[in-house]
Structures are given as C-alpha cells and as structure tokens.
Amino acid sequence: MITMSLAEIATLGTQIATHGAIRASEMVSDDIFELMIAIAILVYETYPGTNQ
C-alpha cells in the first residue's frame, strides 16, 4: 500500500487538476480550429459561382 502525507495529497491533486486544465484547453483550441475550417469549406461549397 502507498503511504502519503496530507500535504503530498494536496500537491498531487493540484498537479492533476493543472494537467487536466491544460489538456482541456489544448483540445478546445483544436476543436475551434477544426470548426473554423469546416465553416470555411461549407461557405466555399455553398457560395454560388466559386466551384464551377
């Protein structure tokens, strides 16, 4: 069994929360970029006269 002091548990929780927040922000920025590209493709495909 692993033994940890209360101070180590608090530090570990902070590290896990920080890592999760950073990873979530990376995922959100990737999703926003993909959404912008999808909108640009949709506008290009539906705008009359550009895809002849």
Protein backbone atom coordinates (compact mmCIF):
# COMPACT_ATOMS: atom_id res chain seq x y z
CA MET A 1 0.00 0.00 0.00
CA ILE A 2 1.20 3.53 -0.74
CA THR A 3 1.50 5.95 2.14
CA MET A 4 1.32 9.71 1.60
CA SER A 5 1.10 12.67 3.91
CA LEU A 6 -1.80 15.09 3.64
CA ALA A 7 0.48 17.75 2.14
CA GLU A 8 1.53 15.37 -0.64
CA ILE A 9 -2.08 14.52 -1.41
CA ALA A 10 -2.96 18.21 -1.79
CA THR A 11 0.03 18.76 -4.09
CA LEU A 12 -0.83 15.72 -6.17
CA GLY A 13 -4.41 16.93 -6.60
CA THR A 14 -3.18 20.33 -7.76
CA GLN A 15 -0.83 18.74 -10.31
CA ILE A 16 -3.59 16.52 -11.68
CA ALA A 17 -6.03 19.44 -11.92
CA THR A 18 -3.45 21.62 -13.66
CA HIS A 19 -2.60 18.90 -16.16
CA GLY A 20 -6.30 18.32 -16.87
CA ALA A 21 -6.95 22.02 -17.40
CA ILE A 22 -4.02 22.35 -19.80
CA ARG A 23 -5.09 19.30 -21.77
CA ALA A 24 -8.69 20.54 -21.95
CA SER A 25 -7.54 23.90 -23.31
CA GLU A 26 -5.46 22.14 -25.97
CA MET A 27 -8.46 20.10 -27.03
CA VAL A 28 -10.72 23.15 -27.16
CA SER A 29 -8.30 25.08 -29.37
CA ASP A 30 -8.03 22.10 -31.75
CA ASP A 31 -11.82 21.84 -31.89
CA ILE A 32 -12.19 25.57 -32.60
CA PHE A 33 -9.64 25.36 -35.44
CA GLU A 34 -11.42 22.35 -36.97
CA LEU A 35 -14.77 24.15 -36.67
CA MET A 36 -13.37 27.23 -38.47
CA ILE A 37 -12.05 25.06 -41.30
CA ALA A 38 -15.39 23.25 -41.59
CA ILE A 39 -17.26 26.56 -41.79
CA ALA A 40 -14.85 27.86 -44.44
CA ILE A 41 -15.38 24.70 -46.53
CA LEU A 42 -19.16 24.97 -46.12
CA VAL A 43 -19.16 28.61 -47.25
CA TYR A 44 -16.91 27.79 -50.21
CA GLU A 45 -19.14 24.88 -51.30
CA THR A 46 -22.41 26.80 -50.98
CA TYR A 47 -21.33 30.18 -52.40
CA PRO A 48 -22.57 30.40 -56.00
CA GLY A 49 -20.01 30.82 -58.72
CA THR A 50 -16.90 29.63 -56.90
CA ASN A 51 -16.95 25.92 -57.66
CA GLN A 52 -17.52 25.69 -61.40
